[in-house]
Every structure is written in structure tokens, then in C-alpha cells.
Amino acid sequence: MESLGWYPCRVEITLKIPDEIAQRVAPEGEGPARVTLESLALEGYRSEALTESDVRQMLGFSTRMTVHAFLKEHGVYLHYSMEELEQDLESARTLLAKLQAEPASSTPR
């Protein structure tokens, strides 16, 4: 049998909750299913069970910046380690040194 390759699976979950509760947890104009999915993504990221990429994929966001805005809107901080900070600082130092080494141009960029 020929392999068809890897295809992402989708899990469908059905929740049964009383209508009055669903109305309280889902703001006006938002569906309870989306609110539940977002809550799952937020808690998964907060507990470090999900990565930023997982959240982006789950919620259908096209960019990391959209994920960052979503997390910020919900009071969830990005996971940012000391190692990542050191890497970012080193990248900034390298870029600064490169920019300072370039001859000054009389034409603005």
C-alpha cells in the first residue's frame, strides 16, 4: 500500500452546556465554540503544554505577531527564556557593530 504522506488530524469535541451558561461565557457576537477553543489555547500556552506555533495553528492566525497580540489581550505573557534574551542581545550587538563599520553614506536610505 502506498503511503499518502502526513496529514494533520482534526479532533472534533462536542460539549453540552446549558444555553444560559453558554451565553454568559461567550460575549455578544462570539460563538461559544470559538471562546472554548481560545480558552483551551490560552491555558495550553500558559501551562507550557502548547507552543506559540501550536496556538497559531489552532486558532488559524497567520503570523506570530497575531499570536502575540492575542496573548497580550488575554494577559498571558510570552515564554521568553534567558537563553533567548542572550541570543537576541548578541544579534543586536552584531548588527550594531556591522552598522557602525559601514561607511557613512551621504544619501539617506
PDB file of N, CA and C in Angstrom:
ATOM      1  N   MET A   1       0.841  -1.180   0.000  1.00  0.00           N
ATOM      2  CA  MET A   1       0.000   0.000   0.000  1.00  0.00           C
ATOM      3  C   MET A   1       0.889   1.247   0.000  1.00  0.00           C
ATOM      4  N   GLU A   2       0.588   2.189  -0.860  1.00  0.00           N
ATOM      5  CA  GLU A   2       1.373   3.406  -0.993  1.00  0.00           C
ATOM      6  C   GLU A   2       1.056   4.386   0.128  1.00  0.00           C
ATOM      7  N   SER A   3       2.114   4.988   0.674  1.00  0.00           N
ATOM      8  CA  SER A   3       1.934   5.976   1.729  1.00  0.00           C
ATOM      9  C   SER A   3       1.363   7.257   1.134  1.00  0.00           C
ATOM     10  N   LEU A   4       0.400   7.812   1.832  1.00  0.00           N
ATOM     11  CA  LEU A   4      -0.213   9.057   1.370  1.00  0.00           C
ATOM     12  C   LEU A   4       0.447  10.276   1.989  1.00  0.00           C
ATOM     13  N   GLY A   5       1.480  10.071   2.804  1.00  0.00           N
ATOM     14  CA  GLY A   5       2.149  11.207   3.441  1.00  0.00           C
ATOM     15  C   GLY A   5       1.462  11.588   4.734  1.00  0.00           C
ATOM     16  N   TRP A   6       1.987  12.644   5.361  1.00  0.00           N
ATOM     17  CA  TRP A   6       1.466  13.089   6.640  1.00  0.00           C
ATOM     18  C   TRP A   6       0.371  14.117   6.427  1.00  0.00           C
ATOM     19  N   TYR A   7      -0.743  13.903   7.066  1.00  0.00           N
ATOM     20  CA  TYR A   7      -1.852  14.851   7.012  1.00  0.00           C
ATOM     21  C   TYR A   7      -2.264  15.162   8.438  1.00  0.00           C
ATOM     22  N   PRO A   8      -2.394  16.455   8.764  1.00  0.00           N
ATOM     23  CA  PRO A   8      -2.784  16.791  10.131  1.00  0.00           C
ATOM     24  C   PRO A   8      -4.183  16.276  10.434  1.00  0.00           C
ATOM     25  N   CYS A   9      -4.347  15.738  11.606  1.00  0.00           N
ATOM     26  CA  CYS A   9      -5.653  15.249  12.042  1.00  0.00           C
ATOM     27  C   CYS A   9      -6.407  16.361  12.734  1.00  0.00           C
ATOM     28  N   ARG A  10      -7.668  16.293  12.687  1.00  0.00           N
ATOM     29  CA  ARG A  10      -8.531  17.245  13.392  1.00  0.00           C
ATOM     30  C   ARG A  10      -9.350  16.453  14.386  1.00  0.00           C
ATOM     31  N   VAL A  11      -9.374  16.928  15.603  1.00  0.00           N
ATOM     32  CA  VAL A  11     -10.187  16.311  16.631  1.00  0.00           C
ATOM     33  C   VAL A  11     -11.416  17.184  16.817  1.00  0.00           C
ATOM     34  N   GLU A  12     -12.545  16.586  16.782  1.00  0.00           N
ATOM     35  CA  GLU A  12     -13.785  17.327  16.993  1.00  0.00           C
ATOM     36  C   GLU A  12     -14.334  16.946  18.360  1.00  0.00           C
ATOM     37  N   ILE A  13     -14.631  17.965  19.162  1.00  0.00           N
ATOM     38  CA  ILE A  13     -15.137  17.755  20.513  1.00  0.00           C
ATOM     39  C   ILE A  13     -16.505  18.408  20.624  1.00  0.00           C
ATOM     40  N   THR A  14     -17.440  17.699  21.184  1.00  0.00           N
ATOM     41  CA  THR A  14     -18.772  18.250  21.403  1.00  0.00           C
ATOM     42  C   THR A  14     -18.975  18.441  22.896  1.00  0.00           C
ATOM     43  N   LEU A  15     -19.329  19.660  23.279  1.00  0.00           N
ATOM     44  CA  LEU A  15     -19.613  19.968  24.675  1.00  0.00           C
ATOM     45  C   LEU A  15     -21.090  20.297  24.816  1.00  0.00           C
ATOM     46  N   LYS A  16     -21.679  19.781  25.843  1.00  0.00           N
ATOM     47  CA  LYS A  16     -23.086  20.093  26.099  1.00  0.00           C
ATOM     48  C   LYS A  16     -23.167  20.872  27.408  1.00  0.00           C
ATOM     49  N   ILE A  17     -23.502  22.159  27.276  1.00  0.00           N
ATOM     50  CA  ILE A  17     -23.686  23.000  28.445  1.00  0.00           C
ATOM     51  C   ILE A  17     -25.005  23.747  28.283  1.00  0.00           C
ATOM     52  N   PRO A  18     -25.629  24.115  29.386  1.00  0.00           N
ATOM     53  CA  PRO A  18     -26.904  24.844  29.292  1.00  0.00           C
ATOM     54  C   PRO A  18     -26.754  26.160  28.526  1.00  0.00           C
ATOM     55  N   ASP A  19     -27.775  26.511  27.765  1.00  0.00           N
ATOM     56  CA  ASP A  19     -27.739  27.730  26.952  1.00  0.00           C
ATOM     57  C   ASP A  19     -27.417  28.968  27.778  1.00  0.00           C
ATOM     58  N   GLU A  20     -28.000  29.072  28.974  1.00  0.00           N
ATOM     59  CA  GLU A  20     -27.768  30.275  29.785  1.00  0.00           C
ATOM     60  C   GLU A  20     -26.299  30.407  30.209  1.00  0.00           C
ATOM     61  N   ILE A  21     -25.636  29.290  30.409  1.00  0.00           N
ATOM     62  CA  ILE A  21     -24.204  29.336  30.742  1.00  0.00           C
ATOM     63  C   ILE A  21     -23.402  29.698  29.499  1.00  0.00           C
ATOM     64  N   ALA A  22     -23.747  29.117  28.379  1.00  0.00           N
ATOM     65  CA  ALA A  22     -23.053  29.426  27.130  1.00  0.00           C
ATOM     66  C   ALA A  22     -23.150  30.916  26.813  1.00  0.00           C
ATOM     67  N   GLN A  23     -24.284  31.522  27.076  1.00  0.00           N
ATOM     68  CA  GLN A  23     -24.466  32.951  26.824  1.00  0.00           C
ATOM     69  C   GLN A  23     -23.601  33.801  27.750  1.00  0.00           C
ATOM     70  N   ARG A  24     -23.380  33.314  28.965  1.00  0.00           N
ATOM     71  CA  ARG A  24     -22.560  34.076  29.918  1.00  0.00           C
ATOM     72  C   ARG A  24     -21.073  33.981  29.598  1.00  0.00           C
ATOM     73  N   VAL A  25     -20.619  32.844  29.097  1.00  0.00           N
ATOM     74  CA  VAL A  25     -19.181  32.690  28.834  1.00  0.00           C
ATOM     75  C   VAL A  25     -18.768  33.216  27.469  1.00  0.00           C
ATOM     76  N   ALA A  26     -19.706  33.348  26.562  1.00  0.00           N
ATOM     77  CA  ALA A  26     -19.394  33.851  25.222  1.00  0.00           C
ATOM     78  C   ALA A  26     -19.948  35.265  25.078  1.00  0.00           C
ATOM     79  N   PRO A  27     -19.066  36.258  24.909  1.00  0.00           N
ATOM     80  CA  PRO A  27     -19.531  37.629  24.722  1.00  0.00           C
ATOM     81  C   PRO A  27     -20.467  37.744  23.514  1.00  0.00           C
ATOM     82  N   GLU A  28     -21.278  38.764  23.534  1.00  0.00           N
ATOM     83  CA  GLU A  28     -22.228  39.014  22.444  1.00  0.00           C
ATOM     84  C   GLU A  28     -21.519  38.978  21.094  1.00  0.00           C
ATOM     85  N   GLY A  29     -22.031  38.206  20.188  1.00  0.00           N
ATOM     86  CA  GLY A  29     -21.469  38.116  18.846  1.00  0.00           C
ATOM     87  C   GLY A  29     -20.387  37.061  18.680  1.00  0.00           C
ATOM     88  N   GLU A  30     -19.962  36.436  19.765  1.00  0.00           N
ATOM     89  CA  GLU A  30     -18.959  35.381  19.666  1.00  0.00           C
ATOM     90  C   GLU A  30     -19.594  34.044  19.970  1.00  0.00           C
ATOM     91  N   GLY A  31     -19.229  33.050  19.193  1.00  0.00           N
ATOM     92  CA  GLY A  31     -19.779  31.723  19.401  1.00  0.00           C
ATOM     93  C   GLY A  31     -19.093  31.013  20.557  1.00  0.00           C
ATOM     94  N   PRO A  32     -19.842  30.250  21.316  1.00  0.00           N
ATOM     95  CA  PRO A  32     -19.243  29.505  22.426  1.00  0.00           C
ATOM     96  C   PRO A  32     -18.136  28.553  21.980  1.00  0.00           C
ATOM     97  N   ALA A  33     -18.232  28.008  20.782  1.00  0.00           N
ATOM     98  CA  ALA A  33     -17.199  27.085  20.291  1.00  0.00           C
ATOM     99  C   ALA A  33     -15.860  27.816  20.148  1.00  0.00           C
ATOM    100  N   ARG A  34     -15.874  29.026  19.590  1.00  0.00           N
ATOM    101  CA  ARG A  34     -14.635  29.795  19.413  1.00  0.00           C
ATOM    102  C   ARG A  34     -14.059  30.212  20.773  1.00  0.00           C
ATOM    103  N   VAL A  35     -14.940  30.639  21.662  1.00  0.00           N
ATOM    104  CA  VAL A  35     -14.494  31.040  23.002  1.00  0.00           C
ATOM    105  C   VAL A  35     -13.832  29.856  23.710  1.00  0.00           C
ATOM    106  N   THR A  36     -14.412  28.685  23.572  1.00  0.00           N
ATOM    107  CA  THR A  36     -13.860  27.485  24.200  1.00  0.00           C
ATOM    108  C   THR A  36     -12.509  27.133  23.588  1.00  0.00           C
ATOM    109  N   LEU A  37     -12.404  27.199  22.277  1.00  0.00           N
ATOM    110  CA  LEU A  37     -11.142  26.908  21.600  1.00  0.00           C
ATOM    111  C   LEU A  37     -10.052  27.883  22.032  1.00  0.00           C
ATOM    112  N   GLU A  38     -10.394  29.171  22.109  1.00  0.00           N
ATOM    113  CA  GLU A  38      -9.429  30.169  22.540  1.00  0.00           C
ATOM    114  C   GLU A  38      -8.994  29.919  23.984  1.00  0.00           C
ATOM    115  N   SER A  39      -9.945  29.557  24.839  1.00  0.00           N
ATOM    116  CA  SER A  39      -9.614  29.263  26.237  1.00  0.00           C
ATOM    117  C   SER A  39      -8.667  28.077  26.342  1.00  0.00           C
ATOM    118  N   LEU A  40      -8.912  27.060  25.546  1.00  0.00           N
ATOM    119  CA  LEU A  40      -8.041  25.884  25.522  1.00  0.00           C
ATOM    120  C   LEU A  40      -6.627  26.274  25.066  1.00  0.00           C
ATOM    121  N   ALA A  41      -6.551  27.091  24.028  1.00  0.00           N
ATOM    122  CA  ALA A  41      -5.255  27.535  23.518  1.00  0.00           C
ATOM    123  C   ALA A  41      -4.517  28.381  24.563  1.00  0.00           C
ATOM    124  N   LEU A  42      -5.235  29.299  25.209  1.00  0.00           N
ATOM    125  CA  LEU A  42      -4.612  30.149  26.228  1.00  0.00           C
ATOM    126  C   LEU A  42      -4.078  29.334  27.399  1.00  0.00           C
ATOM    127  N   GLU A  43      -4.893  28.426  27.911  1.00  0.00           N
ATOM    128  CA  GLU A  43      -4.456  27.618  29.044  1.00  0.00           C
ATOM    129  C   GLU A  43      -3.337  26.671  28.641  1.00  0.00           C
ATOM    130  N   GLY A  44      -3.406  26.134  27.435  1.00  0.00           N
ATOM    131  CA  GLY A  44      -2.341  25.267  26.944  1.00  0.00           C
ATOM    132  C   GLY A  44      -1.016  26.000  26.848  1.00  0.00           C
ATOM    133  N   TYR A  45      -1.055  27.240  26.369  1.00  0.00           N
ATOM    134  CA  TYR A  45       0.173  28.030  26.265  1.00  0.00           C
ATOM    135  C   TYR A  45       0.662  28.432  27.660  1.00  0.00           C
ATOM    136  N   ARG A  46      -0.269  28.883  28.497  1.00  0.00           N
ATOM    137  CA  ARG A  46       0.085  29.312  29.858  1.00  0.00           C
ATOM    138  C   ARG A  46       0.782  28.187  30.637  1.00  0.00           C
ATOM    139  N   SER A  47       0.282  26.966  30.475  1.00  0.00           N
ATOM    140  CA  SER A  47       0.836  25.819  31.205  1.00  0.00           C
ATOM    141  C   SER A  47       2.042  25.200  30.485  1.00  0.00           C
ATOM    142  N   GLU A  48       2.400  25.756  29.341  1.00  0.00           N
ATOM    143  CA  GLU A  48       3.512  25.297  28.508  1.00  0.00           C
ATOM    144  C   GLU A  48       3.270  23.931  27.863  1.00  0.00           C
ATOM    145  N   ALA A  49       2.013  23.516  27.786  1.00  0.00           N
ATOM    146  CA  ALA A  49       1.668  22.302  27.052  1.00  0.00           C
ATOM    147  C   ALA A  49       1.640  22.591  25.553  1.00  0.00           C
ATOM    148  N   LEU A  50       1.391  23.858  25.180  1.00  0.00           N
ATOM    149  CA  LEU A  50       1.344  24.273  23.777  1.00  0.00           C
ATOM    150  C   LEU A  50       2.403  25.332  23.524  1.00  0.00           C
ATOM    151  N   THR A  51       2.936  25.329  22.314  1.00  0.00           N
ATOM    152  CA  THR A  51       3.897  26.342  21.904  1.00  0.00           C
ATOM    153  C   THR A  51       3.159  27.491  21.218  1.00  0.00           C
ATOM    154  N   GLU A  52       3.897  28.546  20.964  1.00  0.00           N
ATOM    155  CA  GLU A  52       3.353  29.679  20.228  1.00  0.00           C
ATOM    156  C   GLU A  52       2.851  29.221  18.854  1.00  0.00           C
ATOM    157  N   SER A  53       3.610  28.350  18.223  1.00  0.00           N
ATOM    158  CA  SER A  53       3.225  27.811  16.918  1.00  0.00           C
ATOM    159  C   SER A  53       1.940  26.990  17.009  1.00  0.00           C
ATOM    160  N   ASP A  54       1.800  26.213  18.088  1.00  0.00           N
ATOM    161  CA  ASP A  54       0.575  25.430  18.292  1.00  0.00           C
ATOM    162  C   ASP A  54      -0.639  26.347  18.395  1.00  0.00           C
ATOM    163  N   VAL A  55      -0.495  27.425  19.150  1.00  0.00           N
ATOM    164  CA  VAL A  55      -1.596  28.384  19.320  1.00  0.00           C
ATOM    165  C   VAL A  55      -1.954  29.003  17.977  1.00  0.00           C
ATOM    166  N   ARG A  56      -0.936  29.390  17.210  1.00  0.00           N
ATOM    167  CA  ARG A  56      -1.171  29.985  15.887  1.00  0.00           C
ATOM    168  C   ARG A  56      -1.948  29.031  14.990  1.00  0.00           C
ATOM    169  N   GLN A  57      -1.532  27.779  14.994  1.00  0.00           N
ATOM    170  CA  GLN A  57      -2.183  26.774  14.156  1.00  0.00           C
ATOM    171  C   GLN A  57      -3.615  26.490  14.626  1.00  0.00           C
ATOM    172  N   MET A  58      -3.783  26.327  15.942  1.00  0.00           N
ATOM    173  CA  MET A  58      -5.116  26.022  16.492  1.00  0.00           C
ATOM    174  C   MET A  58      -6.135  27.095  16.164  1.00  0.00           C
ATOM    175  N   LEU A  59      -5.704  28.358  16.264  1.00  0.00           N
ATOM    176  CA  LEU A  59      -6.645  29.459  16.112  1.00  0.00           C
ATOM    177  C   LEU A  59      -6.669  30.047  14.704  1.00  0.00           C
ATOM    178  N   GLY A  60      -5.831  29.501  13.821  1.00  0.00           N
ATOM    179  CA  GLY A  60      -5.843  29.944  12.428  1.00  0.00           C
ATOM    180  C   GLY A  60      -5.232  31.317  12.213  1.00  0.00           C
ATOM    181  N   PHE A  61      -4.308  31.723  13.097  1.00  0.00           N
ATOM    182  CA  PHE A  61      -3.643  33.005  12.925  1.00  0.00           C
ATOM    183  C   PHE A  61      -2.545  32.855  11.879  1.00  0.00           C
ATOM    184  N   SER A  62      -2.339  33.892  11.079  1.00  0.00           N
ATOM    185  CA  SER A  62      -1.359  33.789  10.004  1.00  0.00           C
ATOM    186  C   SER A  62       0.055  34.187  10.416  1.00  0.00           C
ATOM    187  N   THR A  63       0.179  34.954  11.505  1.00  0.00           N
ATOM    188  CA  THR A  63       1.517  35.398  11.907  1.00  0.00           C
ATOM    189  C   THR A  63       1.737  35.226  13.409  1.00  0.00           C
ATOM    190  N   ARG A  64       3.013  35.227  13.778  1.00  0.00           N
ATOM    191  CA  ARG A  64       3.381  35.175  15.197  1.00  0.00           C
ATOM    192  C   ARG A  64       2.922  36.445  15.907  1.00  0.00           C
ATOM    193  N   MET A  65       2.970  37.568  15.191  1.00  0.00           N
ATOM    194  CA  MET A  65       2.570  38.835  15.800  1.00  0.00           C
ATOM    195  C   MET A  65       1.091  38.816  16.196  1.00  0.00           C
ATOM    196  N   THR A  66       0.284  38.134  15.424  1.00  0.00           N
ATOM    197  CA  THR A  66      -1.134  37.999  15.765  1.00  0.00           C
ATOM    198  C   THR A  66      -1.288  37.180  17.039  1.00  0.00           C
ATOM    199  N   VAL A  67      -0.469  36.141  17.173  1.00  0.00           N
ATOM    200  CA  VAL A  67      -0.488  35.323  18.393  1.00  0.00           C
ATOM    201  C   VAL A  67      -0.064  36.184  19.578  1.00  0.00           C
ATOM    202  N   HIS A  68       0.999  36.972  19.402  1.00  0.00           N
ATOM    203  CA  HIS A  68       1.478  37.831  20.477  1.00  0.00           C
ATOM    204  C   HIS A  68       0.384  38.798  20.925  1.00  0.00           C
ATOM    205  N   ALA A  69      -0.301  39.399  19.972  1.00  0.00           N
ATOM    206  CA  ALA A  69      -1.376  40.346  20.299  1.00  0.00           C
ATOM    207  C   ALA A  69      -2.511  39.630  21.042  1.00  0.00           C
ATOM    208  N   PHE A  70      -2.861  38.442  20.585  1.00  0.00           N
ATOM    209  CA  PHE A  70      -3.918  37.650  21.226  1.00  0.00           C
ATOM    210  C   PHE A  70      -3.542  37.317  22.669  1.00  0.00           C
ATOM    211  N   LEU A  71      -2.310  36.856  22.878  1.00  0.00           N
ATOM    212  CA  LEU A  71      -1.861  36.519  24.231  1.00  0.00           C
ATOM    213  C   LEU A  71      -1.865  37.751  25.125  1.00  0.00           C
ATOM    214  N   LYS A  72      -1.377  38.866  24.600  1.00  0.00           N
ATOM    215  CA  LYS A  72      -1.330  40.103  25.379  1.00  0.00           C
ATOM    216  C   LYS A  72      -2.737  40.555  25.756  1.00  0.00           C
ATOM    217  N   GLU A  73      -3.647  40.480  24.805  1.00  0.00           N
ATOM    218  CA  GLU A  73      -5.047  40.878  25.036  1.00  0.00           C
ATOM    219  C   GLU A  73      -5.673  40.082  26.186  1.00  0.00           C
ATOM    220  N   HIS A  74      -5.204  38.858  26.369  1.00  0.00           N
ATOM    221  CA  HIS A  74      -5.753  37.979  27.402  1.00  0.00           C
ATOM    222  C   HIS A  74      -4.849  37.873  28.644  1.00  0.00           C
ATOM    223  N   GLY A  75      -3.852  38.754  28.721  1.00  0.00           N
ATOM    224  CA  GLY A  75      -2.997  38.803  29.903  1.00  0.00           C
ATOM    225  C   GLY A  75      -2.070  37.609  30.069  1.00  0.00           C
ATOM    226  N   VAL A  76      -1.706  36.974  28.958  1.00  0.00           N
ATOM    227  CA  VAL A  76      -0.795  35.829  29.004  1.00  0.00           C
ATOM    228  C   VAL A  76       0.552  36.291  28.448  1.00  0.00           C
ATOM    229  N   TYR A  77       1.593  36.106  29.241  1.00  0.00           N
ATOM    230  CA  TYR A  77       2.920  36.561  28.855  1.00  0.00           C
ATOM    231  C   TYR A  77       3.625  35.541  27.973  1.00  0.00           C
ATOM    232  N   LEU A  78       4.460  36.064  27.058  1.00  0.00           N
ATOM    233  CA  LEU A  78       5.245  35.197  26.186  1.00  0.00           C
ATOM    234  C   LEU A  78       6.272  34.431  27.004  1.00  0.00           C
ATOM    235  N   HIS A  79       6.539  33.222  26.602  1.00  0.00           N
ATOM    236  CA  HIS A  79       7.621  32.446  27.205  1.00  0.00           C
ATOM    237  C   HIS A  79       8.910  32.933  26.560  1.00  0.00           C
ATOM    238  N   TYR A  80       9.749  33.523  27.361  1.00  0.00           N
ATOM    239  CA  TYR A  80      10.980  34.121  26.849  1.00  0.00           C
ATOM    240  C   TYR A  80      12.083  33.806  27.842  1.00  0.00           C
ATOM    241  N   SER A  81      12.953  32.905  27.471  1.00  0.00           N
ATOM    242  CA  SER A  81      13.984  32.426  28.393  1.00  0.00           C
ATOM    243  C   SER A  81      15.196  33.355  28.404  1.00  0.00           C
ATOM    244  N   MET A  82      16.031  33.177  29.406  1.00  0.00           N
ATOM    245  CA  MET A  82      17.284  33.926  29.485  1.00  0.00           C
ATOM    246  C   MET A  82      18.168  33.605  28.278  1.00  0.00           C
ATOM    247  N   GLU A  83      18.130  32.357  27.838  1.00  0.00           N
ATOM    248  CA  GLU A  83      18.915  31.957  26.663  1.00  0.00           C
ATOM    249  C   GLU A  83      18.461  32.740  25.430  1.00  0.00           C
ATOM    250  N   GLU A  84      17.161  32.881  25.249  1.00  0.00           N
ATOM    251  CA  GLU A  84      16.644  33.648  24.113  1.00  0.00           C
ATOM    252  C   GLU A  84      17.041  35.118  24.226  1.00  0.00           C
ATOM    253  N   LEU A  85      16.996  35.658  25.450  1.00  0.00           N
ATOM    254  CA  LEU A  85      17.415  37.043  25.668  1.00  0.00           C
ATOM    255  C   LEU A  85      18.881  37.218  25.286  1.00  0.00           C
ATOM    256  N   GLU A  86      19.730  36.297  25.720  1.00  0.00           N
ATOM    257  CA  GLU A  86      21.156  36.366  25.381  1.00  0.00           C
ATOM    258  C   GLU A  86      21.368  36.298  23.871  1.00  0.00           C
ATOM    259  N   GLN A  87      20.612  35.437  23.186  1.00  0.00           N
ATOM    260  CA  GLN A  87      20.725  35.328  21.728  1.00  0.00           C
ATOM    261  C   GLN A  87      20.302  36.636  21.060  1.00  0.00           C
ATOM    262  N   ASP A  88      19.223  37.223  21.549  1.00  0.00           N
ATOM    263  CA  ASP A  88      18.747  38.490  20.982  1.00  0.00           C
ATOM    264  C   ASP A  88      19.750  39.615  21.225  1.00  0.00           C
ATOM    265  N   LEU A  89      20.336  39.652  22.422  1.00  0.00           N
ATOM    266  CA  LEU A  89      21.343  40.666  22.721  1.00  0.00           C
ATOM    267  C   LEU A  89      22.572  40.510  21.825  1.00  0.00           C
ATOM    268  N   GLU A  90      23.000  39.274  21.623  1.00  0.00           N
ATOM    269  CA  GLU A  90      24.150  39.019  20.749  1.00  0.00           C
ATOM    270  C   GLU A  90      23.838  39.434  19.313  1.00  0.00           C
ATOM    271  N   SER A  91      22.634  39.147  18.845  1.00  0.00           N
ATOM    272  CA  SER A  91      22.234  39.558  17.494  1.00  0.00           C
ATOM    273  C   SER A  91      22.237  41.081  17.376  1.00  0.00           C
ATOM    274  N   ALA A  92      21.746  41.758  18.406  1.00  0.00           N
ATOM    275  CA  ALA A  92      21.716  43.221  18.396  1.00  0.00           C
ATOM    276  C   ALA A  92      23.136  43.789  18.388  1.00  0.00           C
ATOM    277  N   ARG A  93      24.018  43.207  19.175  1.00  0.00           N
ATOM    278  CA  ARG A  93      25.421  43.666  19.208  1.00  0.00           C
ATOM    279  C   ARG A  93      26.085  43.477  17.836  1.00  0.00           C
ATOM    280  N   THR A  94      25.845  42.323  17.227  1.00  0.00           N
ATOM    281  CA  THR A  94      26.418  42.032  15.910  1.00  0.00           C
ATOM    282  C   THR A  94      25.914  43.028  14.874  1.00  0.00           C
ATOM    283  N   LEU A  95      24.614  43.290  14.883  1.00  0.00           N
ATOM    284  CA  LEU A  95      24.036  44.238  13.934  1.00  0.00           C
ATOM    285  C   LEU A  95      24.573  45.643  14.164  1.00  0.00           C
ATOM    286  N   LEU A  96      24.672  46.055  15.423  1.00  0.00           N
ATOM    287  CA  LEU A  96      25.199  47.382  15.744  1.00  0.00           C
ATOM    288  C   LEU A  96      26.644  47.525  15.257  1.00  0.00           C
ATOM    289  N   ALA A  97      27.463  46.507  15.508  1.00  0.00           N
ATOM    290  CA  ALA A  97      28.860  46.544  15.061  1.00  0.00           C
ATOM    291  C   ALA A  97      28.923  46.633  13.535  1.00  0.00           C
ATOM    292  N   LYS A  98      28.075  45.907  12.866  1.00  0.00           N
ATOM    293  CA  LYS A  98      28.049  45.915  11.394  1.00  0.00           C
ATOM    294  C   LYS A  98      27.645  47.300  10.874  1.00  0.00           C
ATOM    295  N   LEU A  99      26.636  47.895  11.497  1.00  0.00           N
ATOM    296  CA  LEU A  99      26.174  49.216  11.072  1.00  0.00           C
ATOM    297  C   LEU A  99      27.231  50.285  11.344  1.00  0.00           C
ATOM    298  N   GLN A 100      27.936  50.163  12.463  1.00  0.00           N
ATOM    299  CA  GLN A 100      28.973  51.137  12.791  1.00  0.00           C
ATOM    300  C   GLN A 100      30.184  50.992  11.881  1.00  0.00           C
ATOM    301  N   ALA A 101      30.411  49.811  11.345  1.00  0.00           N
ATOM    302  CA  ALA A 101      31.555  49.567  10.464  1.00  0.00           C
ATOM    303  C   ALA A 101      31.304  50.054   9.043  1.00  0.00           C
ATOM    304  N   GLU A 102      30.055  50.235   8.662  1.00  0.00           N
ATOM    305  CA  GLU A 102      29.738  50.697   7.308  1.00  0.00           C
ATOM    306  C   GLU A 102      30.125  52.162   7.172  1.00  0.00           C
ATOM    307  N   PRO A 103      30.671  52.528   6.009  1.00  0.00           N
ATOM    308  CA  PRO A 103      30.992  53.950   5.807  1.00  0.00           C
ATOM    309  C   PRO A 103      29.694  54.769   5.774  1.00  0.00           C
ATOM    310  N   ALA A 104      29.788  55.960   6.311  1.00  0.00           N
ATOM    311  CA  ALA A 104      28.605  56.836   6.341  1.00  0.00           C
ATOM    312  C   ALA A 104      28.238  57.205   4.902  1.00  0.00           C
ATOM    313  N   SER A 105      27.002  57.127   4.598  1.00  0.00           N
ATOM    314  CA  SER A 105      26.519  57.431   3.253  1.00  0.00           C
ATOM    315  C   SER A 105      25.870  58.820   3.279  1.00  0.00           C
ATOM    316  N   SER A 106      26.137  59.607   2.281  1.00  0.00           N
ATOM    317  CA  SER A 106      25.529  60.933   2.222  1.00  0.00           C
ATOM    318  C   SER A 106      24.088  60.876   1.750  1.00  0.00           C
ATOM    319  N   THR A 107      23.704  59.751   1.152  1.00  0.00           N
ATOM    320  CA  THR A 107      22.329  59.593   0.694  1.00  0.00           C
ATOM    321  C   THR A 107      21.519  58.848   1.732  1.00  0.00           C
ATOM    322  N   PRO A 108      20.404  59.429   2.159  1.00  0.00           N
ATOM    323  CA  PRO A 108      19.566  58.718   3.131  1.00  0.00           C
ATOM    324  C   PRO A 108      18.932  57.482   2.499  1.00  0.00           C
ATOM    325  N   ARG A 109      18.702  56.507   3.327  1.00  0.00           N
ATOM    326  CA  ARG A 109      18.086  55.260   2.837  1.00  0.00           C
ATOM    327  C   ARG A 109      16.608  55.384   2.756  1.00  0.00           C
TER     328      ARG A 109
END
